[in-house]
Amino acid sequence: MTTYILRRLLWIPFLLLGITLMTFVIFSLAPGDPVTALIKPGAMEATTQIGSGMEVLRERYGLDKPIHVRYLVWLRELLKGNLGYSYSTERPISEMIVEVLPATLLLQVSSIGMALLFGIVLGVVSALKQYSVVDHALTFVALFGISVPSFFIALIAMFIFSVKLGWLPIAGMWTVGEPRVFNLDLLRHMVLPSLAGGIVHIASYLRYTRASTLDALSADFVVTARAKGLRERLVVARHVLRNALLPIVTLFGLSLPGLLGGSFIIETIFSWNGLGLLGYRALMNRDYPLQMGMALMVAIMVLLANLITDIAYVFVDPRVRYG
């Protein structure tokens, strides 16, 4: 196991090199100019010196150099631990990412935890109550969650629980005037974005858990366990559930990139000051260094998540061994 983990960790730098190279090329070839994004609307017509000023800015930010030269410069600074400075705020990018990373982790952990808890429990219940009213109702809920995009669920949740009922705040992380610490006010603001981000994955986990639980219930080892006289609760807990979790581990690893990508939409809708909102602002401002810093951060998180998923197989299924 240790050798396998070390081998996977040694591959991560090469994967990151390929990811950052493709990302840099895509960002550089995308329409738009970061220099024009820095100029206020109307300034183009307000002065005749704007052309020379734009050239000065391009030279200052190194945008006058070829793509491969700019990438090598960025890679050289990255190896020194320097992610560069934002074009729009002129702040260190590492400082900006560290500032908002806890907010995204808090939101994603709550979404993942809610999806795993409700998805697995409801999936097992649906399988044990196969073809019953409960099973049909949960199947309908799962199909609804899979079919409806997260941004639409977010808007519906905002309209019902914030606009109509007034139970929960509509956006932001804290109420104006409240201390910016982990408190009840933060938890109230976290309910709607966590629900909107997790409900799609609850539906996926529910459907996969139901299918894998039904397969496990018909397996020979379950029939043997029942023939020995074990109570149904022990059969489900010890034999069925553990084998039914194998597909869920795979689905969990595959859903992590979706959660991180979905944070761009959810955090923007709810004005949640995390990586998603920061990435959206970087795209709108054509802030290349900040975009690259965000892409690097997301790539590292996804690669580590995949590694953790592979390691989790060993604990879920004793038959799995890595040489």
Protein backbone atom coordinates (compact mmCIF):
# COMPACT_ATOMS: atom_id res chain seq x y z
CA MET A 1 0.00 0.00 0.00
CA THR A 2 2.80 2.44 0.90
CA THR A 3 4.58 1.76 -2.38
CA TYR A 4 1.36 2.31 -4.32
CA ILE A 5 0.68 5.64 -2.59
CA LEU A 6 4.24 6.86 -3.19
CA ARG A 7 4.03 5.86 -6.86
CA ARG A 8 0.76 7.76 -7.26
CA LEU A 9 2.22 10.81 -5.52
CA LEU A 10 5.22 10.76 -7.85
CA TRP A 11 2.88 10.89 -10.86
CA ILE A 12 1.02 13.95 -9.59
CA PRO A 13 3.67 16.53 -10.69
CA PHE A 14 3.64 15.18 -14.27
CA LEU A 15 -0.17 15.23 -14.37
CA LEU A 16 -0.18 18.79 -13.04
CA LEU A 17 2.32 19.80 -15.70
CA GLY A 18 0.02 18.54 -18.45
CA ILE A 19 -3.08 20.07 -16.86
CA THR A 20 -1.50 23.49 -16.36
CA LEU A 21 -0.05 23.50 -19.89
CA MET A 22 -3.44 22.79 -21.51
CA THR A 23 -5.18 25.26 -19.21
CA PHE A 24 -2.67 28.01 -19.95
CA VAL A 25 -3.04 27.54 -23.70
CA ILE A 26 -6.86 27.56 -23.50
CA PHE A 27 -6.92 30.71 -21.37
CA SER A 28 -4.43 32.46 -23.65
CA LEU A 29 -6.35 31.61 -26.83
CA ALA A 30 -9.76 32.52 -25.37
CA PRO A 31 -11.40 35.69 -26.77
CA GLY A 32 -10.81 38.92 -24.86
CA ASP A 33 -7.89 40.92 -23.59
CA PRO A 34 -7.09 41.32 -19.86
CA VAL A 35 -5.73 44.81 -20.52
CA THR A 36 -9.04 46.07 -21.93
CA ALA A 37 -10.79 44.59 -18.90
CA LEU A 38 -8.69 46.86 -16.68
CA ILE A 39 -9.79 49.99 -18.55
CA LYS A 40 -12.95 51.67 -17.32
CA PRO A 41 -15.87 51.89 -19.74
CA GLY A 42 -15.70 55.09 -21.78
CA ALA A 43 -11.97 55.53 -21.28
CA MET A 44 -11.29 54.39 -24.83
CA GLU A 45 -13.09 57.43 -26.16
CA ALA A 46 -11.97 59.78 -23.40
CA THR A 47 -8.29 59.88 -24.28
CA THR A 48 -6.07 59.53 -27.29
CA GLN A 49 -3.25 58.13 -25.17
CA ILE A 50 -5.10 54.92 -24.37
CA GLY A 51 -3.36 52.95 -27.14
CA SER A 52 0.14 53.59 -25.81
CA GLY A 53 -1.09 52.97 -22.29
CA MET A 54 -2.41 49.54 -23.26
CA GLU A 55 0.93 48.65 -24.79
CA VAL A 56 2.67 49.67 -21.56
CA LEU A 57 0.33 47.44 -19.56
CA ARG A 58 0.85 44.51 -21.91
CA GLU A 59 4.61 44.89 -21.55
CA ARG A 60 4.29 45.26 -17.77
CA TYR A 61 2.31 42.02 -17.44
CA GLY A 62 4.38 40.18 -20.04
CA LEU A 63 1.45 39.78 -22.43
CA ASP A 64 3.57 40.94 -25.36
CA LYS A 65 5.60 37.70 -25.22
CA PRO A 66 4.71 34.44 -27.04
CA ILE A 67 2.53 31.85 -25.26
CA HIS A 68 5.34 29.36 -24.64
CA VAL A 69 7.58 32.03 -23.12
CA ARG A 70 4.80 33.22 -20.82
CA TYR A 71 4.08 29.63 -19.71
CA LEU A 72 7.74 28.93 -18.96
CA VAL A 73 7.95 32.14 -16.93
CA TRP A 74 4.80 31.16 -15.00
CA LEU A 75 6.17 27.64 -14.42
CA ARG A 76 9.51 29.02 -13.22
CA GLU A 77 7.79 31.25 -10.68
CA LEU A 78 5.54 28.38 -9.61
CA LEU A 79 8.56 26.22 -8.80
CA LYS A 80 9.70 29.06 -6.55
CA GLY A 81 6.34 28.96 -4.76
CA ASN A 82 5.11 32.15 -6.40
CA LEU A 83 1.67 32.11 -8.07
CA GLY A 84 2.02 35.72 -9.15
CA TYR A 85 -0.20 38.75 -8.63
CA SER A 86 -3.75 39.39 -9.73
CA TYR A 87 -4.20 41.83 -12.60
CA SER A 88 -7.40 43.29 -11.15
CA THR A 89 -6.48 43.61 -7.45
CA GLU A 90 -2.65 43.47 -7.59
CA ARG A 91 -2.71 41.18 -4.55
CA PRO A 92 -0.70 37.93 -4.24
CA ILE A 93 -2.78 35.10 -5.68
CA SER A 94 -1.72 32.63 -3.00
CA GLU A 95 -3.00 35.07 -0.38
CA MET A 96 -6.34 35.44 -2.18
CA ILE A 97 -6.81 31.66 -2.49
CA VAL A 98 -5.91 30.94 1.13
CA GLU A 99 -8.35 33.65 2.20
CA VAL A 100 -11.37 32.04 0.53
CA LEU A 101 -10.41 28.34 0.63
CA PRO A 102 -11.95 27.65 4.09
CA ALA A 103 -15.33 28.95 2.89
CA THR A 104 -15.37 26.55 -0.09
CA LEU A 105 -14.18 23.60 2.01
CA LEU A 106 -16.89 24.28 4.58
CA LEU A 107 -19.57 24.41 1.90
CA GLN A 108 -18.32 21.34 0.01
CA VAL A 109 -17.85 19.19 3.13
CA SER A 110 -21.41 19.96 4.22
CA SER A 111 -22.75 19.19 0.71
CA ILE A 112 -20.81 15.93 0.45
CA GLY A 113 -21.74 14.87 3.98
CA MET A 114 -25.42 15.55 3.37
CA ALA A 115 -25.33 13.75 0.00
CA LEU A 116 -23.63 10.66 1.44
CA LEU A 117 -25.85 10.45 4.52
CA PHE A 118 -29.23 10.93 2.86
CA GLY A 119 -28.29 9.23 -0.41
CA ILE A 120 -27.06 6.00 1.18
CA VAL A 121 -29.80 5.78 3.82
CA LEU A 122 -32.62 6.51 1.38
CA GLY A 123 -31.10 4.15 -1.19
CA VAL A 124 -31.03 1.26 1.29
CA VAL A 125 -34.59 2.01 2.39
CA SER A 126 -35.74 2.12 -1.24
CA ALA A 127 -34.13 -1.28 -1.93
CA LEU A 128 -35.55 -2.91 1.20
CA LYS A 129 -39.03 -1.56 0.28
CA GLN A 130 -38.76 -2.55 -3.38
CA TYR A 131 -41.87 -1.75 -5.49
CA SER A 132 -43.65 -0.22 -2.50
CA VAL A 133 -45.11 3.28 -2.30
CA VAL A 134 -41.96 4.43 -0.50
CA ASP A 135 -39.78 3.00 -3.27
CA HIS A 136 -41.79 4.70 -6.01
CA ALA A 137 -41.75 8.02 -4.13
CA LEU A 138 -37.98 7.91 -3.60
CA THR A 139 -37.45 6.92 -7.24
CA PHE A 140 -39.46 9.97 -8.33
CA VAL A 141 -37.41 12.21 -6.02
CA ALA A 142 -34.16 10.76 -7.39
CA LEU A 143 -35.20 11.27 -11.00
CA PHE A 144 -36.25 14.83 -10.21
CA GLY A 145 -32.90 15.57 -8.55
CA ILE A 146 -30.92 14.11 -11.45
CA SER A 147 -32.96 15.91 -14.12
CA VAL A 148 -33.08 19.42 -12.64
CA PRO A 149 -29.83 21.47 -12.76
CA SER A 150 -28.37 22.77 -9.52
CA PHE A 151 -28.80 26.45 -10.42
CA PHE A 152 -32.55 25.94 -10.90
CA ILE A 153 -32.81 24.15 -7.55
CA ALA A 154 -30.90 27.06 -5.99
CA LEU A 155 -33.32 29.62 -7.42
CA ILE A 156 -36.36 27.60 -6.29
CA ALA A 157 -34.91 27.21 -2.78
CA MET A 158 -34.19 30.95 -2.58
CA PHE A 159 -37.71 31.82 -3.72
CA ILE A 160 -39.46 29.45 -1.28
CA PHE A 161 -37.35 29.61 1.88
CA SER A 162 -36.06 33.18 1.62
CA VAL A 163 -38.53 35.26 -0.39
CA LYS A 164 -41.84 33.60 0.51
CA LEU A 165 -41.28 32.05 3.94
CA GLY A 166 -38.40 34.24 5.14
CA TRP A 167 -36.88 31.38 7.11
CA LEU A 168 -33.35 31.61 5.73
CA PRO A 169 -31.09 34.41 4.43
CA ILE A 170 -31.05 34.77 0.68
CA ALA A 171 -27.31 35.26 0.07
CA GLY A 172 -23.94 36.01 1.61
CA MET A 173 -22.10 34.29 4.45
CA TRP A 174 -23.00 36.55 7.37
CA THR A 175 -25.67 39.09 8.14
CA VAL A 176 -24.43 42.68 7.89
CA GLY A 177 -23.08 43.75 11.28
CA GLU A 178 -22.60 40.19 12.58
CA PRO A 179 -19.08 39.01 13.56
CA ARG A 180 -17.38 37.06 10.76
CA VAL A 181 -16.77 33.90 12.79
CA PHE A 182 -18.16 30.36 12.80
CA ASN A 183 -21.53 30.87 14.46
CA LEU A 184 -25.23 30.18 14.09
CA ASP A 185 -25.60 33.01 11.58
CA LEU A 186 -23.03 31.36 9.29
CA LEU A 187 -24.81 28.01 9.57
CA ARG A 188 -28.13 29.63 8.59
CA HIS A 189 -26.51 31.16 5.51
CA MET A 190 -24.95 27.79 4.66
CA VAL A 191 -28.21 25.79 4.54
CA LEU A 192 -29.47 26.84 1.09
CA PRO A 193 -26.16 26.60 -0.86
CA SER A 194 -25.39 23.24 0.77
CA LEU A 195 -28.85 21.97 -0.12
CA ALA A 196 -28.64 23.23 -3.71
CA GLY A 197 -25.16 21.78 -4.17
CA GLY A 198 -25.91 18.43 -2.56
CA ILE A 199 -29.40 17.51 -3.75
CA VAL A 200 -28.22 16.43 -7.22
CA HIS A 201 -25.66 14.11 -5.65
CA ILE A 202 -28.20 12.82 -3.13
CA ALA A 203 -30.26 11.64 -6.11
CA SER A 204 -27.25 9.91 -7.71
CA TYR A 205 -26.19 8.19 -4.49
CA LEU A 206 -29.79 7.09 -3.88
CA ARG A 207 -30.11 5.42 -7.29
CA TYR A 208 -26.70 3.70 -7.14
CA THR A 209 -27.18 2.57 -3.55
CA ARG A 210 -30.59 1.11 -4.39
CA ALA A 211 -29.21 -0.83 -7.36
CA SER A 212 -26.13 -2.15 -5.53
CA THR A 213 -28.19 -3.05 -2.44
CA LEU A 214 -30.62 -5.08 -4.56
CA ASP A 215 -27.68 -6.95 -6.10
CA ALA A 216 -26.23 -7.68 -2.67
CA LEU A 217 -29.58 -8.86 -1.28
CA SER A 218 -29.75 -11.60 -3.92
CA ALA A 219 -26.14 -12.77 -3.39
CA ASP A 220 -25.37 -16.25 -2.05
CA PHE A 221 -23.59 -15.01 1.08
CA VAL A 222 -26.74 -13.12 2.12
CA VAL A 223 -28.86 -16.25 1.62
CA THR A 224 -26.35 -18.19 3.75
CA ALA A 225 -26.40 -15.55 6.47
CA ARG A 226 -30.19 -15.70 6.63
CA ALA A 227 -30.11 -19.50 6.69
CA LYS A 228 -27.87 -19.33 9.76
CA GLY A 229 -30.64 -17.47 11.55
CA LEU A 230 -29.09 -14.01 11.69
CA ARG A 231 -31.52 -11.20 12.26
CA GLU A 232 -32.38 -9.16 9.18
CA ARG A 233 -30.87 -6.01 10.70
CA LEU A 234 -27.49 -7.74 11.15
CA VAL A 235 -27.63 -9.21 7.65
CA VAL A 236 -28.18 -5.77 6.15
CA ALA A 237 -25.59 -4.02 8.33
CA ARG A 238 -22.78 -6.59 8.16
CA HIS A 239 -23.18 -8.22 4.76
CA VAL A 240 -25.39 -6.18 2.46
CA LEU A 241 -24.36 -2.60 3.21
CA ARG A 242 -20.60 -3.13 3.06
CA ASN A 243 -20.78 -4.77 -0.37
CA ALA A 244 -23.31 -2.21 -1.59
CA LEU A 245 -20.90 0.63 -0.78
CA LEU A 246 -18.31 -0.38 -3.40
CA PRO A 247 -20.02 1.46 -6.30
CA ILE A 248 -20.65 4.43 -3.99
CA VAL A 249 -16.92 4.81 -3.37
CA THR A 250 -16.36 5.06 -7.13
CA LEU A 251 -19.26 7.48 -7.54
CA PHE A 252 -17.94 9.58 -4.67
CA GLY A 253 -14.56 9.96 -6.36
CA LEU A 254 -16.15 10.83 -9.70
CA SER A 255 -18.54 13.36 -8.14
CA LEU A 256 -15.84 15.44 -6.44
CA PRO A 257 -14.86 17.31 -9.63
CA GLY A 258 -18.57 17.99 -10.18
CA LEU A 259 -18.90 19.43 -6.69
CA LEU A 260 -15.91 21.70 -7.24
CA GLY A 261 -17.19 22.76 -10.64
CA GLY A 262 -20.67 23.29 -9.26
CA SER A 263 -19.27 25.60 -6.61
CA PHE A 264 -18.72 28.21 -9.35
CA ILE A 265 -22.48 28.30 -9.97
CA ILE A 266 -23.69 27.89 -6.39
CA GLU A 267 -21.25 30.36 -4.83
CA THR A 268 -22.00 32.95 -7.51
CA ILE A 269 -25.78 32.64 -7.03
CA PHE A 270 -25.57 32.83 -3.24
CA SER A 271 -22.65 35.31 -3.12
CA TRP A 272 -20.68 32.79 -1.07
CA ASN A 273 -17.15 34.15 -0.84
CA GLY A 274 -15.23 31.01 -1.81
CA LEU A 275 -13.11 29.62 -4.62
CA GLY A 276 -16.09 29.43 -6.96
CA LEU A 277 -16.95 33.11 -6.67
CA LEU A 278 -13.27 34.05 -6.90
CA GLY A 279 -12.94 31.96 -10.06
CA TYR A 280 -16.01 33.58 -11.58
CA ARG A 281 -14.56 37.04 -10.97
CA ALA A 282 -11.25 35.93 -12.47
CA LEU A 283 -13.04 34.80 -15.64
CA MET A 284 -15.04 38.01 -15.89
CA ASN A 285 -11.90 40.16 -15.43
CA ARG A 286 -9.79 37.95 -17.72
CA ASP A 287 -7.32 37.70 -14.87
CA TYR A 288 -4.91 35.09 -16.30
CA PRO A 289 -2.65 34.62 -13.23
CA LEU A 290 -5.66 34.22 -10.94
CA GLN A 291 -7.29 31.79 -13.40
CA MET A 292 -4.13 29.68 -13.46
CA GLY A 293 -3.88 29.72 -9.69
CA MET A 294 -7.50 28.56 -9.44
CA ALA A 295 -6.97 25.84 -12.06
CA LEU A 296 -3.89 24.58 -10.23
CA MET A 297 -5.74 24.48 -6.90
CA VAL A 298 -8.72 22.58 -8.35
CA ALA A 299 -6.42 20.13 -10.18
CA ILE A 300 -4.53 19.33 -6.97
CA MET A 301 -7.77 18.79 -5.05
CA VAL A 302 -9.18 16.48 -7.74
CA LEU A 303 -6.00 14.39 -8.01
CA LEU A 304 -5.80 14.00 -4.23
CA ALA A 305 -9.50 13.12 -4.10
CA ASN A 306 -8.96 10.35 -6.66
CA LEU A 307 -6.06 9.00 -4.61
CA ILE A 308 -8.16 9.01 -1.44
CA THR A 309 -10.93 7.17 -3.33
CA ASP A 310 -8.52 4.41 -4.38
CA ILE A 311 -7.26 4.06 -0.81
CA ALA A 312 -10.84 3.89 0.48
CA TYR A 313 -11.41 0.74 -1.58
CA VAL A 314 -9.02 -1.16 0.69
CA PHE A 315 -11.06 -0.34 3.79
CA VAL A 316 -14.42 -1.05 2.15
CA ASP A 317 -13.43 -4.27 0.37
CA PRO A 318 -10.73 -6.46 2.04
CA ARG A 319 -10.23 -8.29 -1.29
CA VAL A 320 -8.69 -5.17 -2.85
CA ARG A 321 -4.92 -5.00 -2.53
CA TYR A 322 -2.46 -2.65 -4.23
CA GLY A 323 0.99 -3.95 -5.04
